[in-house]
C-alpha cells in the first residue's frame, strides 16, 4: 500500500508540474554552465571570477554535472540566463551560494540556499533550491558555489517569477494533501495496534512514517517547515 501511495503521489506531482509550465512563454528553461571542480572551500569569488592561473573554467558547456563523493566544492558559471527572475537548482543540495553584481567595480551580492542553510539566511525561503536574481545585475557574470559531499546530478533551470510561484503553490497544495493522507494512515495503524493489541500495526506505522520523513527531505519541505531553523 505504501508503494501504491508513492506511485500515485509521483504521478500527481508530475501532472502538477506540467500544468504549471503549460504556458509556452513562461515555461522553465534549462541553463547551460561551465563547471570548475575540486576547488578549496576557502576560495573566494574574487579568485574564481578573474580567471586566475589557479582557477580556470573549462571551455565546454553542459546542462548537468555529477558531483564526486567527498568533493570540496564545485563552482558553476551560468550562461544564457536571459531575463529570468529566478534560478532553480536540483535536486536538494547541502550548501549553495549564488554570486552576482551589477558591474565590474561593484561588490558581489550573495544569495544562499540549501539543506544545511538556516531559513533565516535564505533570501527566498522555498522547498526548492531557489536563487532569485536582481534586475540590474550583469547577466554574463553569475556564479554559483555548491558544497555537496554526496553524489548527485545537478541541473539548473531559469524561471520567470510568476510561473515559478504558480508551480510552487500547486506543489504545496498537493504535498500538503498527500502528507495529511499518509499521516492519517499512520494514526490509523497506531490506533488499530492498541485496539487489537498487535505490534505488527506499530511496525507498519513506523514504516510509513519513515517513507513520509524521506519524502519531506527529498522534496525540501522538511527543511523549510520542520528542521530548517
Protein backbone atom coordinates (compact mmCIF):
# COMPACT_ATOMS: atom_id res chain seq x y z
CA UNK A 1 0.00 0.00 0.00
CA UNK A 2 2.89 2.35 0.78
CA UNK A 3 4.37 1.84 -2.68
CA UNK A 4 0.99 2.43 -4.30
CA UNK A 5 0.69 5.73 -2.46
CA UNK A 6 4.19 6.71 -3.54
CA UNK A 7 3.45 5.92 -7.19
CA UNK A 8 0.17 7.89 -7.08
CA UNK A 9 1.91 10.82 -5.42
CA UNK A 10 4.63 10.86 -8.07
CA UNK A 11 2.06 10.83 -10.88
CA UNK A 12 0.10 13.68 -9.31
CA UNK A 13 3.24 15.73 -8.75
CA UNK A 14 4.36 15.32 -12.36
CA UNK A 15 0.90 16.34 -13.59
CA UNK A 16 1.01 19.42 -11.36
CA UNK A 17 4.41 20.47 -12.69
CA UNK A 18 3.33 20.03 -16.28
CA UNK A 19 0.23 22.14 -15.73
CA UNK A 20 2.21 24.90 -14.07
CA UNK A 21 4.61 25.05 -17.02
CA UNK A 22 1.92 24.80 -19.70
CA UNK A 23 2.28 28.41 -20.87
CA UNK A 24 5.00 28.41 -23.54
CA UNK A 25 6.15 31.95 -22.83
CA UNK A 26 6.74 31.30 -19.13
CA UNK A 27 7.96 27.69 -19.18
CA UNK A 28 11.19 26.92 -17.30
CA UNK A 29 14.35 26.75 -19.42
CA UNK A 30 17.42 24.60 -18.78
CA UNK A 31 20.57 26.67 -18.22
CA UNK A 32 23.98 25.79 -19.62
CA UNK A 33 27.06 26.36 -17.47
CA UNK A 34 30.81 25.94 -17.21
CA UNK A 35 31.88 23.79 -14.25
CA UNK A 36 35.02 24.14 -12.16
CA UNK A 37 35.71 21.17 -9.87
CA UNK A 38 37.76 20.40 -6.77
CA UNK A 39 38.04 24.00 -5.62
CA UNK A 40 39.03 24.53 -1.96
CA UNK A 41 36.12 25.77 0.15
CA UNK A 42 38.29 28.72 1.23
CA UNK A 43 38.40 30.05 -2.36
CA UNK A 44 36.59 33.39 -2.75
CA UNK A 45 34.54 34.71 -5.63
CA UNK A 46 37.27 37.26 -6.43
CA UNK A 47 39.75 34.46 -7.18
CA UNK A 48 37.17 32.48 -9.16
CA UNK A 49 35.73 35.21 -11.38
CA UNK A 50 39.00 36.72 -12.57
CA UNK A 51 40.33 33.65 -14.38
CA UNK A 52 43.50 33.41 -12.32
CA UNK A 53 46.16 30.84 -13.06
CA UNK A 54 44.95 28.65 -10.22
CA UNK A 55 41.29 28.52 -11.30
CA UNK A 56 40.38 28.35 -14.98
CA UNK A 57 36.88 27.43 -16.10
CA UNK A 58 36.88 24.88 -18.94
CA UNK A 59 35.52 25.97 -22.31
CA UNK A 60 32.93 23.21 -22.66
CA UNK A 61 29.33 23.85 -21.67
CA UNK A 62 26.97 21.36 -20.01
CA UNK A 63 23.45 21.33 -18.59
CA UNK A 64 24.07 18.66 -15.92
CA UNK A 65 27.03 17.61 -13.79
CA UNK A 66 27.52 14.80 -11.31
CA UNK A 67 29.33 15.54 -8.06
CA UNK A 68 32.03 13.29 -6.63
CA UNK A 69 31.86 11.77 -3.17
CA UNK A 70 33.72 13.99 -0.70
CA UNK A 71 34.37 16.73 -3.29
CA UNK A 72 35.40 20.00 -1.61
CA UNK A 73 33.32 22.45 -3.66
CA UNK A 74 32.01 22.88 -7.17
CA UNK A 75 31.68 26.21 -8.99
CA UNK A 76 29.36 26.93 -11.92
CA UNK A 77 29.48 29.91 -14.29
CA UNK A 78 25.94 30.24 -15.63
CA UNK A 79 25.36 31.10 -19.28
CA UNK A 80 22.27 32.13 -21.26
CA UNK A 81 20.33 33.17 -18.17
CA UNK A 82 18.34 35.72 -20.19
CA UNK A 83 15.80 37.80 -18.29
CA UNK A 84 14.97 35.08 -15.77
CA UNK A 85 13.89 36.27 -12.35
CA UNK A 86 14.89 33.12 -10.51
CA UNK A 87 17.29 30.19 -10.81
CA UNK A 88 16.29 26.76 -9.53
CA UNK A 89 18.90 24.08 -8.89
CA UNK A 90 18.09 20.43 -8.49
CA UNK A 91 17.98 18.23 -6.56
CA UNK A 92 18.04 19.26 -2.85
CA UNK A 93 21.64 20.31 -2.11
CA UNK A 94 23.54 20.96 1.12
CA UNK A 95 25.04 24.43 0.63
CA UNK A 96 24.56 26.74 -2.36
CA UNK A 97 25.68 30.35 -2.83
CA UNK A 98 24.93 32.49 -5.87
CA UNK A 99 27.20 35.46 -6.65
CA UNK A 100 26.13 38.34 -8.89
CA UNK A 101 26.90 42.05 -9.33
CA UNK A 102 25.77 44.97 -11.45
CA UNK A 103 29.23 45.85 -12.79
CA UNK A 104 32.94 45.03 -12.59
CA UNK A 105 33.61 47.67 -9.96
CA UNK A 106 30.57 46.83 -7.86
CA UNK A 107 30.62 44.48 -4.83
CA UNK A 108 29.32 40.95 -5.17
CA UNK A 109 25.85 40.10 -3.90
CA UNK A 110 25.36 36.71 -2.26
CA UNK A 111 22.19 34.58 -2.17
CA UNK A 112 22.17 31.42 -0.05
CA UNK A 113 20.07 28.29 -0.07
CA UNK A 114 20.47 24.59 0.71
CA UNK A 115 19.53 21.86 3.15
CA UNK A 116 22.30 22.90 5.58
CA UNK A 117 21.46 26.62 5.43
CA UNK A 118 19.16 28.11 8.07
CA UNK A 119 15.95 29.63 6.74
CA UNK A 120 16.91 32.97 8.30
CA UNK A 121 19.85 33.18 5.84
CA UNK A 122 17.75 32.47 2.75
CA UNK A 123 16.58 35.46 0.74
CA UNK A 124 13.77 33.43 -0.82
CA UNK A 125 12.63 30.60 1.52
CA UNK A 126 11.28 27.75 -0.61
CA UNK A 127 11.25 23.94 -0.59
CA UNK A 128 13.11 24.16 -3.90
CA UNK A 129 16.73 25.25 -4.38
CA UNK A 130 15.80 28.80 -5.41
CA UNK A 131 18.18 31.67 -6.17
CA UNK A 132 16.43 34.95 -7.07
CA UNK A 133 18.12 37.38 -9.47
CA UNK A 134 18.05 41.17 -9.26
CA UNK A 135 17.01 43.05 -12.40
CA UNK A 136 20.12 45.21 -12.69
CA UNK A 137 22.82 42.54 -12.46
CA UNK A 138 25.33 41.66 -15.15
CA UNK A 139 23.81 38.53 -16.73
CA UNK A 140 27.22 37.44 -18.02
CA UNK A 141 28.75 37.33 -14.53
CA UNK A 142 26.67 34.89 -12.48
CA UNK A 143 28.48 32.24 -10.44
CA UNK A 144 27.25 29.51 -8.13
CA UNK A 145 29.28 27.72 -5.46
CA UNK A 146 28.00 24.29 -4.38
CA UNK A 147 29.20 22.27 -1.39
CA UNK A 148 27.77 18.77 -1.77
CA UNK A 149 29.86 15.84 -0.46
CA UNK A 150 27.24 13.26 -1.51
CA UNK A 151 26.93 12.08 -5.12
CA UNK A 152 24.08 13.79 -7.01
CA UNK A 153 23.42 15.02 -10.55
CA UNK A 154 22.97 18.79 -10.59
CA UNK A 155 21.00 20.83 -13.11
CA UNK A 156 19.97 24.49 -13.32
CA UNK A 157 16.68 25.95 -14.56
CA UNK A 158 15.66 29.54 -15.31
CA UNK A 159 12.16 30.66 -14.29
CA UNK A 160 10.02 33.73 -14.62
CA UNK A 161 8.88 34.55 -11.09
CA UNK A 162 5.08 34.39 -11.70
CA UNK A 163 5.36 30.96 -13.35
CA UNK A 164 7.55 29.67 -10.54
CA UNK A 165 5.17 30.92 -7.84
CA UNK A 166 2.26 29.22 -9.62
CA UNK A 167 4.18 25.94 -9.77
CA UNK A 168 5.23 26.20 -6.12
CA UNK A 169 1.69 26.93 -4.91
CA UNK A 170 0.29 23.95 -6.82
CA UNK A 171 3.02 21.71 -5.48
CA UNK A 172 2.49 22.87 -1.90
CA UNK A 173 -1.26 22.20 -2.01
CA UNK A 174 -0.66 18.74 -3.45
CA UNK A 175 2.09 17.83 -0.98
CA UNK A 176 0.01 19.06 1.98
CA UNK A 177 -2.90 16.87 0.92
CA UNK A 178 -0.75 13.80 0.38
CA UNK A 179 1.22 14.25 3.61
CA UNK A 180 -2.03 14.65 5.58
CA UNK A 181 -3.43 11.50 4.00
CA UNK A 182 -0.31 9.48 4.83
CA UNK A 183 -0.26 10.88 8.39
CA UNK A 184 -3.87 9.75 8.82
CA UNK A 185 -2.84 6.22 7.81
CA UNK A 186 -0.07 6.32 10.45
CA UNK A 187 -2.55 7.32 13.17
CA UNK A 188 -4.98 4.64 11.98
CA UNK A 189 -2.32 1.93 12.32
CA UNK A 190 -1.37 3.12 15.81
CA UNK A 191 -5.00 3.08 16.98
CA UNK A 192 -5.62 -0.37 15.50
CA UNK A 193 -2.47 -1.66 17.19
CA UNK A 194 -3.80 -0.65 20.61
CA UNK A 195 -7.31 -1.96 19.87
CA UNK A 196 -6.28 -5.43 18.70
CA UNK A 197 -3.06 -5.49 20.76
CA UNK A 198 -0.92 -6.45 17.81
CA UNK A 199 2.52 -4.86 17.45
CA UNK A 200 2.51 -5.53 13.71
CA UNK A 201 0.48 -2.36 13.14
CA UNK A 202 3.06 -0.33 15.10
CA UNK A 203 5.83 -1.57 12.81
CA UNK A 204 3.64 -0.77 9.83
CA UNK A 205 3.14 2.77 11.16
CA UNK A 206 6.90 3.18 11.61
CA UNK A 207 7.49 2.00 8.05
CA UNK A 208 5.01 4.52 6.66
CA UNK A 209 6.47 7.29 8.85
CA UNK A 210 9.99 6.59 7.51
CA UNK A 211 8.66 6.97 3.96
CA UNK A 212 6.94 10.21 4.92
CA UNK A 213 10.15 11.54 6.51
CA UNK A 214 12.16 10.62 3.40
CA UNK A 215 9.59 12.34 1.19
CA UNK A 216 9.78 15.52 3.29
CA UNK A 217 13.57 15.54 2.99
CA UNK A 218 13.75 14.88 -0.75
CA UNK A 219 11.04 17.43 -1.53
CA UNK A 220 12.63 20.19 0.57
CA UNK A 221 9.52 20.78 2.68
CA UNK A 222 11.11 19.25 5.77
CA UNK A 223 13.97 21.75 5.57
CA UNK A 224 11.58 24.66 5.11
CA UNK A 225 8.94 23.89 7.75
CA UNK A 226 10.34 21.37 10.26
CA UNK A 227 14.10 21.40 10.84
CA UNK A 228 15.30 24.38 8.79
CA UNK A 229 15.93 26.62 11.79
